[in-house]
PDB file of N, CA and C in Angstrom:
ATOM      1  N   MET A   1     -46.140  55.189 187.005  1.00  0.00           N
ATOM      2  CA  MET A   1     -45.203  56.776 188.371  1.00  0.00           C
ATOM      3  C   MET A   1     -43.946  56.531 187.753  1.00  0.00           C
ATOM      4  N   ILE A   2     -43.616  57.767 187.815  1.00  0.00           N
ATOM      5  CA  ILE A   2     -42.266  58.437 187.421  1.00  0.00           C
ATOM      6  C   ILE A   2     -41.271  58.360 188.316  1.00  0.00           C
ATOM      7  N   SER A   3     -40.280  58.107 188.121  1.00  0.00           N
ATOM      8  CA  SER A   3     -38.998  57.607 189.436  1.00  0.00           C
ATOM      9  C   SER A   3     -38.129  59.232 189.072  1.00  0.00           C
ATOM     10  N   ILE A   4     -37.731  59.269 190.311  1.00  0.00           N
ATOM     11  CA  ILE A   4     -36.594  60.858 189.896  1.00  0.00           C
ATOM     12  C   ILE A   4     -35.435  60.468 189.021  1.00  0.00           C
ATOM     13  N   SER A   5     -35.082  59.828 188.639  1.00  0.00           N
ATOM     14  CA  SER A   5     -33.961  59.481 188.176  1.00  0.00           C
ATOM     15  C   SER A   5     -34.269  59.464 186.432  1.00  0.00           C
ATOM     16  N   GLU A   6     -35.935  59.442 186.122  1.00  0.00           N
ATOM     17  CA  GLU A   6     -36.083  59.498 184.777  1.00  0.00           C
ATOM     18  C   GLU A   6     -36.312  60.781 184.513  1.00  0.00           C
ATOM     19  N   LEU A   7     -36.407  61.943 185.340  1.00  0.00           N
ATOM     20  CA  LEU A   7     -36.515  63.122 184.443  1.00  0.00           C
ATOM     21  C   LEU A   7     -35.312  63.658 184.463  1.00  0.00           C
ATOM     22  N   PHE A   8     -34.281  63.594 185.279  1.00  0.00           N
ATOM     23  CA  PHE A   8     -32.751  63.962 184.773  1.00  0.00           C
ATOM     24  C   PHE A   8     -32.316  63.478 184.085  1.00  0.00           C
ATOM     25  N   ILE A   9     -32.011  62.186 183.838  1.00  0.00           N
ATOM     26  CA  ILE A   9     -31.569  60.584 182.699  1.00  0.00           C
ATOM     27  C   ILE A   9     -32.524  60.601 181.620  1.00  0.00           C
ATOM     28  N   SER A  10     -31.871  61.355 180.048  1.00  0.00           N
ATOM     29  CA  SER A  10     -32.524  61.022 179.209  1.00  0.00           C
ATOM     30  C   SER A  10     -32.669  59.580 178.536  1.00  0.00           C
ATOM     31  N   ASN A  11     -33.735  59.119 177.828  1.00  0.00           N
ATOM     32  CA  ASN A  11     -34.011  58.532 177.490  1.00  0.00           C
ATOM     33  C   ASN A  11     -33.267  57.714 176.735  1.00  0.00           C
ATOM     34  N   ALA A  12     -32.889  58.215 175.703  1.00  0.00           N
ATOM     35  CA  ALA A  12     -31.732  58.281 174.878  1.00  0.00           C
ATOM     36  C   ALA A  12     -30.302  57.746 174.879  1.00  0.00           C
ATOM     37  N   HIS A  13     -30.233  58.494 175.778  1.00  0.00           N
ATOM     38  CA  HIS A  13     -28.704  58.580 176.864  1.00  0.00           C
ATOM     39  C   HIS A  13     -28.295  57.617 177.615  1.00  0.00           C
ATOM     40  N   ALA A  14     -29.526  56.979 177.801  1.00  0.00           N
ATOM     41  CA  ALA A  14     -29.454  55.594 179.094  1.00  0.00           C
ATOM     42  C   ALA A  14     -29.685  54.580 178.417  1.00  0.00           C
ATOM     43  N   GLU A  15     -29.942  54.526 177.214  1.00  0.00           N
ATOM     44  CA  GLU A  15     -30.463  53.220 176.128  1.00  0.00           C
ATOM     45  C   GLU A  15     -29.194  53.155 175.335  1.00  0.00           C
ATOM     46  N   GLY A  16     -27.987  54.332 174.986  1.00  0.00           N
ATOM     47  CA  GLY A  16     -26.849  53.811 174.648  1.00  0.00           C
ATOM     48  C   GLY A  16     -27.063  54.645 172.644  1.00  0.00           C
ATOM     49  N   ALA A  17     -28.270  55.315 172.592  1.00  0.00           N
ATOM     50  CA  ALA A  17     -28.682  55.325 171.406  1.00  0.00           C
ATOM     51  C   ALA A  17     -27.158  56.226 170.348  1.00  0.00           C
ATOM     52  N   ALA A  18     -26.919  55.955 169.307  1.00  0.00           N
ATOM     53  CA  ALA A  18     -26.311  56.901 168.654  1.00  0.00           C
ATOM     54  C   ALA A  18     -26.376  57.941 168.527  1.00  0.00           C
ATOM     55  N   VAL A  19     -25.603  58.815 168.905  1.00  0.00           N
ATOM     56  CA  VAL A  19     -25.263  60.460 168.861  1.00  0.00           C
ATOM     57  C   VAL A  19     -24.540  61.057 167.702  1.00  0.00           C
ATOM     58  N   PRO A  20     -24.992  61.707 166.312  1.00  0.00           N
ATOM     59  CA  PRO A  20     -24.521  61.833 165.552  1.00  0.00           C
ATOM     60  C   PRO A  20     -23.623  62.950 165.507  1.00  0.00           C
ATOM     61  N   GLN A  21     -21.998  62.682 164.900  1.00  0.00           N
ATOM     62  CA  GLN A  21     -20.876  63.133 165.585  1.00  0.00           C
ATOM     63  C   GLN A  21     -21.187  64.266 164.232  1.00  0.00           C
ATOM     64  N   SER A  22     -20.705  65.764 164.838  1.00  0.00           N
ATOM     65  CA  SER A  22     -20.491  67.270 164.200  1.00  0.00           C
ATOM     66  C   SER A  22     -18.928  67.332 163.154  1.00  0.00           C
ATOM     67  N   GLY A  23     -19.050  68.095 162.567  1.00  0.00           N
ATOM     68  CA  GLY A  23     -17.591  68.188 161.902  1.00  0.00           C
ATOM     69  C   GLY A  23     -16.258  68.642 163.004  1.00  0.00           C
ATOM     70  N   GLY A  24     -15.246  68.216 162.775  1.00  0.00           N
ATOM     71  CA  GLY A  24     -14.124  67.938 163.917  1.00  0.00           C
ATOM     72  C   GLY A  24     -13.451  69.621 163.459  1.00  0.00           C
ATOM     73  N   PHE A  25     -13.386  70.556 162.515  1.00  0.00           N
ATOM     74  CA  PHE A  25     -13.295  71.411 162.467  1.00  0.00           C
ATOM     75  C   PHE A  25     -13.622  72.453 162.930  1.00  0.00           C
ATOM     76  N   MET A  26     -15.284  72.436 163.107  1.00  0.00           N
ATOM     77  CA  MET A  26     -15.988  73.332 163.354  1.00  0.00           C
ATOM     78  C   MET A  26     -16.166  73.389 165.321  1.00  0.00           C
ATOM     79  N   GLU A  27     -15.635  72.368 165.768  1.00  0.00           N
ATOM     80  CA  GLU A  27     -15.563  72.682 167.215  1.00  0.00           C
ATOM     81  C   GLU A  27     -14.476  73.185 167.610  1.00  0.00           C
ATOM     82  N   PHE A  28     -13.531  73.379 166.710  1.00  0.00           N
ATOM     83  CA  PHE A  28     -11.669  74.110 167.266  1.00  0.00           C
ATOM     84  C   PHE A  28     -12.206  75.675 166.506  1.00  0.00           C
ATOM     85  N   LEU A  29     -13.193  75.668 165.950  1.00  0.00           N
ATOM     86  CA  LEU A  29     -13.416  77.021 165.393  1.00  0.00           C
ATOM     87  C   LEU A  29     -13.596  78.123 166.650  1.00  0.00           C
ATOM     88  N   PRO A  30     -14.014  78.122 167.529  1.00  0.00           N
ATOM     89  CA  PRO A  30     -13.824  79.149 168.573  1.00  0.00           C
ATOM     90  C   PRO A  30     -12.584  79.217 169.697  1.00  0.00           C
ATOM     91  N   LEU A  31     -12.131  78.243 169.388  1.00  0.00           N
ATOM     92  CA  LEU A  31     -10.939  78.093 170.117  1.00  0.00           C
ATOM     93  C   LEU A  31      -9.731  78.778 169.066  1.00  0.00           C
ATOM     94  N   VAL A  32     -10.001  78.978 167.878  1.00  0.00           N
ATOM     95  CA  VAL A  32      -8.749  79.450 166.615  1.00  0.00           C
ATOM     96  C   VAL A  32      -9.403  80.707 167.221  1.00  0.00           C
ATOM     97  N   ALA A  33     -10.583  81.335 167.038  1.00  0.00           N
ATOM     98  CA  ALA A  33     -10.910  82.568 166.649  1.00  0.00           C
ATOM     99  C   ALA A  33     -10.192  83.200 168.405  1.00  0.00           C
ATOM    100  N   LEU A  34     -10.446  82.450 169.824  1.00  0.00           N
ATOM    101  CA  LEU A  34     -10.089  82.875 170.691  1.00  0.00           C
ATOM    102  C   LEU A  34      -8.710  83.126 170.783  1.00  0.00           C
ATOM    103  N   LEU A  35      -7.916  82.556 170.694  1.00  0.00           N
ATOM    104  CA  LEU A  35      -6.275  82.651 170.264  1.00  0.00           C
ATOM    105  C   LEU A  35      -6.086  83.851 169.538  1.00  0.00           C
ATOM    106  N   GLY A  36      -6.621  84.025 168.389  1.00  0.00           N
ATOM    107  CA  GLY A  36      -6.393  85.256 167.688  1.00  0.00           C
ATOM    108  C   GLY A  36      -6.455  86.183 168.430  1.00  0.00           C
ATOM    109  N   VAL A  37      -7.701  86.389 168.861  1.00  0.00           N
ATOM    110  CA  VAL A  37      -7.975  87.728 169.371  1.00  0.00           C
ATOM    111  C   VAL A  37      -6.739  87.785 170.958  1.00  0.00           C
ATOM    112  N   PHE A  38      -6.856  87.087 171.601  1.00  0.00           N
ATOM    113  CA  PHE A  38      -5.305  87.093 172.432  1.00  0.00           C
ATOM    114  C   PHE A  38      -4.135  87.520 172.247  1.00  0.00           C
ATOM    115  N   TYR A  39      -3.638  87.269 170.881  1.00  0.00           N
ATOM    116  CA  TYR A  39      -2.476  87.427 170.185  1.00  0.00           C
ATOM    117  C   TYR A  39      -2.795  89.007 169.367  1.00  0.00           C
ATOM    118  N   PHE A  40      -3.560  89.888 169.310  1.00  0.00           N
ATOM    119  CA  PHE A  40      -3.701  90.673 168.809  1.00  0.00           C
ATOM    120  C   PHE A  40      -4.325  91.419 169.877  1.00  0.00           C
ATOM    121  N   LEU A  41      -4.900  91.329 171.054  1.00  0.00           N
ATOM    122  CA  LEU A  41      -4.706  92.347 171.921  1.00  0.00           C
ATOM    123  C   LEU A  41      -4.130  92.345 173.342  1.00  0.00           C
ATOM    124  N   ILE A  42      -3.032  91.027 173.255  1.00  0.00           N
ATOM    125  CA  ILE A  42      -2.548  91.228 174.390  1.00  0.00           C
ATOM    126  C   ILE A  42      -0.908  90.971 174.018  1.00  0.00           C
ATOM    127  N   LEU A  43      -0.286  90.021 172.771  1.00  0.00           N
ATOM    128  CA  LEU A  43       0.826  89.998 172.860  1.00  0.00           C
ATOM    129  C   LEU A  43       1.227  90.335 171.714  1.00  0.00           C
ATOM    130  N   ARG A  44       0.827  91.061 170.808  1.00  0.00           N
ATOM    131  CA  ARG A  44       1.334  92.123 169.995  1.00  0.00           C
ATOM    132  C   ARG A  44       1.446  93.135 170.536  1.00  0.00           C
ATOM    133  N   PRO A  45       0.668  93.859 171.435  1.00  0.00           N
ATOM    134  CA  PRO A  45       1.062  95.209 171.379  1.00  0.00           C
ATOM    135  C   PRO A  45       2.501  94.617 172.893  1.00  0.00           C
ATOM    136  N   GLN A  46       2.577  94.127 173.351  1.00  0.00           N
ATOM    137  CA  GLN A  46       3.341  93.729 174.918  1.00  0.00           C
ATOM    138  C   GLN A  46       5.071  93.521 173.375  1.00  0.00           C
ATOM    139  N   GLN A  47       4.732  92.771 172.289  1.00  0.00           N
ATOM    140  CA  GLN A  47       6.479  92.778 172.209  1.00  0.00           C
ATOM    141  C   GLN A  47       6.637  93.780 171.307  1.00  0.00           C
ATOM    142  N   LYS A  48       5.333  95.019 171.559  1.00  0.00           N
ATOM    143  CA  LYS A  48       5.797  96.367 170.238  1.00  0.00           C
ATOM    144  C   LYS A  48       6.537  97.214 171.382  1.00  0.00           C
ATOM    145  N   ARG A  49       5.879  97.100 172.272  1.00  0.00           N
ATOM    146  CA  ARG A  49       6.349  98.153 173.836  1.00  0.00           C
ATOM    147  C   ARG A  49       7.653  97.561 173.865  1.00  0.00           C
ATOM    148  N   ALA A  50       8.031  95.807 173.885  1.00  0.00           N
ATOM    149  CA  ALA A  50       9.246  95.558 174.181  1.00  0.00           C
ATOM    150  C   ALA A  50      10.529  96.084 173.397  1.00  0.00           C
ATOM    151  N   LYS A  51       9.864  96.311 171.795  1.00  0.00           N
ATOM    152  CA  LYS A  51      10.961  96.323 170.986  1.00  0.00           C
ATOM    153  C   LYS A  51      11.184  97.867 170.992  1.00  0.00           C
ATOM    154  N   GLU A  52      10.209  98.980 171.285  1.00  0.00           N
ATOM    155  CA  GLU A  52      10.551 100.399 171.066  1.00  0.00           C
ATOM    156  C   GLU A  52      11.225 100.374 172.656  1.00  0.00           C
ATOM    157  N   HIS A  53      11.045  99.368 173.789  1.00  0.00           N
ATOM    158  CA  HIS A  53      11.864 100.087 175.002  1.00  0.00           C
ATOM    159  C   HIS A  53      13.235  99.886 174.498  1.00  0.00           C
ATOM    160  N   LYS A  54      13.904  98.095 173.745  1.00  0.00           N
ATOM    161  CA  LYS A  54      15.249  97.965 173.150  1.00  0.00           C
ATOM    162  C   LYS A  54      15.771  98.801 172.519  1.00  0.00           C
ATOM    163  N   THR A  55      15.263  99.399 171.396  1.00  0.00           N
ATOM    164  CA  THR A  55      15.305 101.139 170.984  1.00  0.00           C
ATOM    165  C   THR A  55      15.884 102.068 171.265  1.00  0.00           C
ATOM    166  N   LEU A  56      14.741 102.228 172.351  1.00  0.00           N
ATOM    167  CA  LEU A  56      15.237 103.426 173.589  1.00  0.00           C
ATOM    168  C   LEU A  56      17.030 103.321 174.148  1.00  0.00           C
ATOM    169  N   MET A  57      16.599 101.755 174.851  1.00  0.00           N
ATOM    170  CA  MET A  57      18.715 101.760 175.820  1.00  0.00           C
ATOM    171  C   MET A  57      19.533 101.796 174.518  1.00  0.00           C
ATOM    172  N   GLU A  58      19.380 101.482 173.455  1.00  0.00           N
ATOM    173  CA  GLU A  58      20.035 101.271 172.043  1.00  0.00           C
ATOM    174  C   GLU A  58      20.550 102.579 172.366  1.00  0.00           C
ATOM    175  N   ALA A  59      19.788 103.623 172.090  1.00  0.00           N
ATOM    176  CA  ALA A  59      19.948 104.834 171.609  1.00  0.00           C
ATOM    177  C   ALA A  59      20.449 105.958 172.919  1.00  0.00           C
ATOM    178  N   LEU A  60      20.563 105.420 173.714  1.00  0.00           N
ATOM    179  CA  LEU A  60      20.601 106.163 175.477  1.00  0.00           C
ATOM    180  C   LEU A  60      21.738 106.376 174.910  1.00  0.00           C
ATOM    181  N   GLN A  61      22.299 107.669 175.399  1.00  0.00           N
ATOM    182  CA  GLN A  61      23.913 108.557 175.078  1.00  0.00           C
ATOM    183  C   GLN A  61      23.577 109.709 176.628  1.00  0.00           C
ATOM    184  N   LYS A  62      24.815 109.674 176.747  1.00  0.00           N
ATOM    185  CA  LYS A  62      25.440 111.013 177.607  1.00  0.00           C
ATOM    186  C   LYS A  62      24.724 112.645 177.112  1.00  0.00           C
ATOM    187  N   GLY A  63      24.494 112.742 178.123  1.00  0.00           N
ATOM    188  CA  GLY A  63      23.534 114.225 178.253  1.00  0.00           C
ATOM    189  C   GLY A  63      21.822 114.391 178.269  1.00  0.00           C
ATOM    190  N   ASP A  64      21.429 113.065 177.782  1.00  0.00           N
ATOM    191  CA  ASP A  64      19.889 112.536 177.272  1.00  0.00           C
ATOM    192  C   ASP A  64      19.287 112.792 179.110  1.00  0.00           C
ATOM    193  N   GLU A  65      17.909 113.618 178.769  1.00  0.00           N
ATOM    194  CA  GLU A  65      17.142 113.495 180.659  1.00  0.00           C
ATOM    195  C   GLU A  65      16.339 112.379 180.080  1.00  0.00           C
ATOM    196  N   VAL A  66      16.133 111.567 181.532  1.00  0.00           N
ATOM    197  CA  VAL A  66      15.322 110.459 181.563  1.00  0.00           C
ATOM    198  C   VAL A  66      14.297 110.579 182.991  1.00  0.00           C
ATOM    199  N   ALA A  67      13.581 109.518 182.900  1.00  0.00           N
ATOM    200  CA  ALA A  67      12.723 109.086 183.967  1.00  0.00           C
ATOM    201  C   ALA A  67      12.998 107.461 184.111  1.00  0.00           C
ATOM    202  N   THR A  68      12.946 106.980 185.753  1.00  0.00           N
ATOM    203  CA  THR A  68      13.631 106.348 186.036  1.00  0.00           C
ATOM    204  C   THR A  68      11.840 105.362 186.163  1.00  0.00           C
ATOM    205  N   VAL A  69      11.750 103.988 186.566  1.00  0.00           N
ATOM    206  CA  VAL A  69      10.841 103.517 186.779  1.00  0.00           C
ATOM    207  C   VAL A  69      10.007 103.836 187.752  1.00  0.00           C
ATOM    208  N   GLY A  70      10.820 103.982 188.651  1.00  0.00           N
ATOM    209  CA  GLY A  70      10.964 104.786 189.724  1.00  0.00           C
ATOM    210  C   GLY A  70      10.506 106.176 189.820  1.00  0.00           C
ATOM    211  N   GLY A  71      10.619 106.530 189.069  1.00  0.00           N
ATOM    212  CA  GLY A  71      10.156 107.991 189.113  1.00  0.00           C
ATOM    213  C   GLY A  71      11.154 109.243 189.427  1.00  0.00           C
ATOM    214  N   ILE A  72      11.741 109.073 189.313  1.00  0.00           N
ATOM    215  CA  ILE A  72      13.701 109.502 189.448  1.00  0.00           C
ATOM    216  C   ILE A  72      14.211 110.236 188.337  1.00  0.00           C
ATOM    217  N   LEU A  73      13.918 111.466 188.399  1.00  0.00           N
ATOM    218  CA  LEU A  73      14.549 112.504 186.997  1.00  0.00           C
ATOM    219  C   LEU A  73      15.980 112.740 187.206  1.00  0.00           C
ATOM    220  N   GLY A  74      16.371 112.759 185.779  1.00  0.00           N
ATOM    221  CA  GLY A  74      17.704 112.941 186.080  1.00  0.00           C
ATOM    222  C   GLY A  74      18.387 113.128 183.918  1.00  0.00           C
ATOM    223  N   LYS A  75      19.930 113.654 185.110  1.00  0.00           N
ATOM    224  CA  LYS A  75      20.761 113.888 183.176  1.00  0.00           C
ATOM    225  C   LYS A  75      21.916 112.491 183.024  1.00  0.00           C
ATOM    226  N   VAL A  76      21.602 111.745 182.482  1.00  0.00           N
ATOM    227  CA  VAL A  76      22.974 110.207 181.785  1.00  0.00           C
ATOM    228  C   VAL A  76      23.907 111.525 181.823  1.00  0.00           C
ATOM    229  N   THR A  77      25.089 111.249 182.821  1.00  0.00           N
ATOM    230  CA  THR A  77      26.213 111.244 182.490  1.00  0.00           C
ATOM    231  C   THR A  77      27.419 110.538 182.062  1.00  0.00           C
ATOM    232  N   LYS A  78      26.776 109.069 182.167  1.00  0.00           N
ATOM    233  CA  LYS A  78      27.818 108.060 181.666  1.00  0.00           C
ATOM    234  C   LYS A  78      27.045 106.820 181.735  1.00  0.00           C
ATOM    235  N   VAL A  79      27.332 106.015 180.065  1.00  0.00           N
ATOM    236  CA  VAL A  79      26.371 105.214 179.480  1.00  0.00           C
ATOM    237  C   VAL A  79      27.522 103.789 179.404  1.00  0.00           C
ATOM    238  N   ASN A  80      27.007 102.979 180.257  1.00  0.00           N
ATOM    239  CA  ASN A  80      28.368 101.662 180.231  1.00  0.00           C
ATOM    240  C   ASN A  80      27.078 100.514 179.104  1.00  0.00           C
ATOM    241  N   GLU A  81      27.734  99.246 179.335  1.00  0.00           N
ATOM    242  CA  GLU A  81      26.807  98.099 178.272  1.00  0.00           C
ATOM    243  C   GLU A  81      25.522  98.204 179.484  1.00  0.00           C
ATOM    244  N   ASP A  82      25.019  97.780 180.110  1.00  0.00           N
ATOM    245  CA  ASP A  82      23.965  97.299 181.365  1.00  0.00           C
ATOM    246  C   ASP A  82      23.612  98.419 182.233  1.00  0.00           C
ATOM    247  N   SER A  83      24.186  99.251 182.480  1.00  0.00           N
ATOM    248  CA  SER A  83      23.925 100.575 183.335  1.00  0.00           C
ATOM    249  C   SER A  83      24.220 101.547 182.784  1.00  0.00           C
ATOM    250  N   ALA A  84      23.673 102.305 183.721  1.00  0.00           N
ATOM    251  CA  ALA A  84      23.958 104.309 183.173  1.00  0.00           C
ATOM    252  C   ALA A  84      23.801 105.163 184.441  1.00  0.00           C
ATOM    253  N   ALA A  85      25.028 105.911 184.179  1.00  0.00           N
ATOM    254  CA  ALA A  85      25.040 107.347 185.047  1.00  0.00           C
ATOM    255  C   ALA A  85      24.432 108.297 185.452  1.00  0.00           C
ATOM    256  N   ILE A  86      23.310 108.426 186.462  1.00  0.00           N
ATOM    257  CA  ILE A  86      22.018 109.487 185.992  1.00  0.00           C
ATOM    258  C   ILE A  86      22.789 110.224 187.465  1.00  0.00           C
ATOM    259  N   GLU A  87      22.772 112.186 187.134  1.00  0.00           N
ATOM    260  CA  GLU A  87      22.842 112.437 187.536  1.00  0.00           C
ATOM    261  C   GLU A  87      21.563 113.380 188.201  1.00  0.00           C
ATOM    262  N   ILE A  88      21.278 113.091 189.698  1.00  0.00           N
ATOM    263  CA  ILE A  88      20.006 113.904 189.498  1.00  0.00           C
ATOM    264  C   ILE A  88      19.854 115.277 190.607  1.00  0.00           C
ATOM    265  N   ALA A  89      21.298 115.592 191.237  1.00  0.00           N
ATOM    266  CA  ALA A  89      21.281 116.788 191.276  1.00  0.00           C
ATOM    267  C   ALA A  89      22.803 117.435 191.256  1.00  0.00           C
ATOM    268  N   ASP A  90      23.186 118.641 191.660  1.00  0.00           N
ATOM    269  CA  ASP A  90      24.795 118.245 191.762  1.00  0.00           C
ATOM    270  C   ASP A  90      25.491 117.831 192.443  1.00  0.00           C
ATOM    271  N   ASN A  91      26.309 117.618 191.564  1.00  0.00           N
ATOM    272  CA  ASN A  91      27.178 116.150 192.727  1.00  0.00           C
ATOM    273  C   ASN A  91      26.795 115.347 193.353  1.00  0.00           C
ATOM    274  N   VAL A  92      25.464 114.518 192.456  1.00  0.00           N
ATOM    275  CA  VAL A  92      24.842 113.552 192.731  1.00  0.00           C
ATOM    276  C   VAL A  92      24.496 112.560 192.065  1.00  0.00           C
ATOM    277  N   VAL A  93      25.268 111.529 192.098  1.00  0.00           N
ATOM    278  CA  VAL A  93      25.236 110.924 190.801  1.00  0.00           C
ATOM    279  C   VAL A  93      24.694 109.324 191.309  1.00  0.00           C
ATOM    280  N   ILE A  94      23.800 108.387 190.434  1.00  0.00           N
ATOM    281  CA  ILE A  94      23.742 107.243 190.554  1.00  0.00           C
ATOM    282  C   ILE A  94      23.977 106.193 190.141  1.00  0.00           C
ATOM    283  N   GLN A  95      24.224 104.978 190.322  1.00  0.00           N
ATOM    284  CA  GLN A  95      24.010 104.104 189.284  1.00  0.00           C
ATOM    285  C   GLN A  95      22.902 103.433 188.964  1.00  0.00           C
ATOM    286  N   VAL A  96      22.273 103.146 187.782  1.00  0.00           N
ATOM    287  CA  VAL A  96      20.898 102.116 187.233  1.00  0.00           C
ATOM    288  C   VAL A  96      20.991 101.524 186.227  1.00  0.00           C
ATOM    289  N   GLN A  97      20.433 100.148 186.526  1.00  0.00           N
ATOM    290  CA  GLN A  97      20.263  99.683 185.285  1.00  0.00           C
ATOM    291  C   GLN A  97      19.473  99.839 184.276  1.00  0.00           C
ATOM    292  N   LYS A  98      19.907 100.081 183.052  1.00  0.00           N
ATOM    293  CA  LYS A  98      19.587 100.451 181.539  1.00  0.00           C
ATOM    294  C   LYS A  98      17.973 100.519 181.893  1.00  0.00           C
ATOM    295  N   ALA A  99      17.184  98.955 181.865  1.00  0.00           N
ATOM    296  CA  ALA A  99      16.027  98.198 182.211  1.00  0.00           C
ATOM    297  C   ALA A  99      15.059  99.255 183.166  1.00  0.00           C
ATOM    298  N   ALA A 100      15.807  99.631 183.847  1.00  0.00           N
ATOM    299  CA  ALA A 100      15.210 100.996 185.294  1.00  0.00           C
ATOM    300  C   ALA A 100      14.630 102.308 184.872  1.00  0.00           C
ATOM    301  N   ILE A 101      15.087 102.270 183.013  1.00  0.00           N
ATOM    302  CA  ILE A 101      14.815 103.651 182.950  1.00  0.00           C
ATOM    303  C   ILE A 101      13.550 103.420 181.643  1.00  0.00           C
ATOM    304  N   GLN A 102      12.756 104.571 182.123  1.00  0.00           N
ATOM    305  CA  GLN A 102      11.371 104.571 181.240  1.00  0.00           C
ATOM    306  C   GLN A 102      11.427 104.813 180.336  1.00  0.00           C
ATOM    307  N   ASN A 103      11.594 106.275 180.127  1.00  0.00           N
ATOM    308  CA  ASN A 103      11.678 107.212 178.944  1.00  0.00           C
ATOM    309  C   ASN A 103      12.864 108.174 178.770  1.00  0.00           C
ATOM    310  N   VAL A 104      13.002 108.704 177.460  1.00  0.00           N
ATOM    311  CA  VAL A 104      13.961 109.501 177.514  1.00  0.00           C
ATOM    312  C   VAL A 104      12.878 111.100 177.420  1.00  0.00           C
ATOM    313  N   LEU A 105      13.295 112.075 177.972  1.00  0.00           N
ATOM    314  CA  LEU A 105      12.646 112.985 178.269  1.00  0.00           C
ATOM    315  C   LEU A 105      12.697 114.385 177.609  1.00  0.00           C
ATOM    316  N   PRO A 106      12.199 115.105 176.984  1.00  0.00           N
ATOM    317  CA  PRO A 106      12.843 116.109 175.791  1.00  0.00           C
ATOM    318  C   PRO A 106      13.757 117.143 176.520  1.00  0.00           C
ATOM    319  N   LYS A 107      14.430 117.443 175.747  1.00  0.00           N
ATOM    320  CA  LYS A 107      16.114 118.407 176.534  1.00  0.00           C
ATOM    321  C   LYS A 107      15.067 119.352 177.174  1.00  0.00           C
ATOM    322  N   GLY A 108      15.588 119.898 178.209  1.00  0.00           N
ATOM    323  CA  GLY A 108      15.379 121.295 179.364  1.00  0.00           C
ATOM    324  C   GLY A 108      13.848 120.619 180.115  1.00  0.00           C
ATOM    325  N   THR A 109      13.477 119.566 180.036  1.00  0.00           N
ATOM    326  CA  THR A 109      12.739 119.516 180.818  1.00  0.00           C
ATOM    327  C   THR A 109      12.870 119.764 182.535  1.00  0.00           C
ATOM    328  N   ILE A 110      13.992 118.644 182.819  1.00  0.00           N
ATOM    329  CA  ILE A 110      14.022 119.191 183.869  1.00  0.00           C
ATOM    330  C   ILE A 110      14.571 120.300 184.810  1.00  0.00           C
ATOM    331  N   LYS A 111      14.601 120.650 184.419  1.00  0.00           N
ATOM    332  CA  LYS A 111      15.060 122.540 184.161  1.00  0.00           C
ATOM    333  C   LYS A 111      13.704 123.346 184.802  1.00  0.00           C
ATOM    334  N   SER A 112      12.670 122.974 184.044  1.00  0.00           N
ATOM    335  CA  SER A 112      11.360 123.682 183.949  1.00  0.00           C
ATOM    336  C   SER A 112      10.248 123.012 184.660  1.00  0.00           C
TER     337      SER A 112
END
């Protein structure tokens, strides 16, 4: 009669039979491929966006029309090292960090 443990444990494993070893590099090939896909689909585009945003912040100047991350539209009136003053209405100026500026709009966007 067959016991239940014999159904679940193979005889070769139970007897300690030698298992042939496969190549070392072939075991890591799927991991290397996964890391490559991760780099090209996630890290590289993120680095590209960060570089473009840094360039945008360095080129920011007085008179540019901008949109902030919070959705506020306005015209830059003053640029400091870490912040910018944005006029959002007549005689209403707010101070925001440069990192909060999402993009620079084409001239005349706010008036239309």
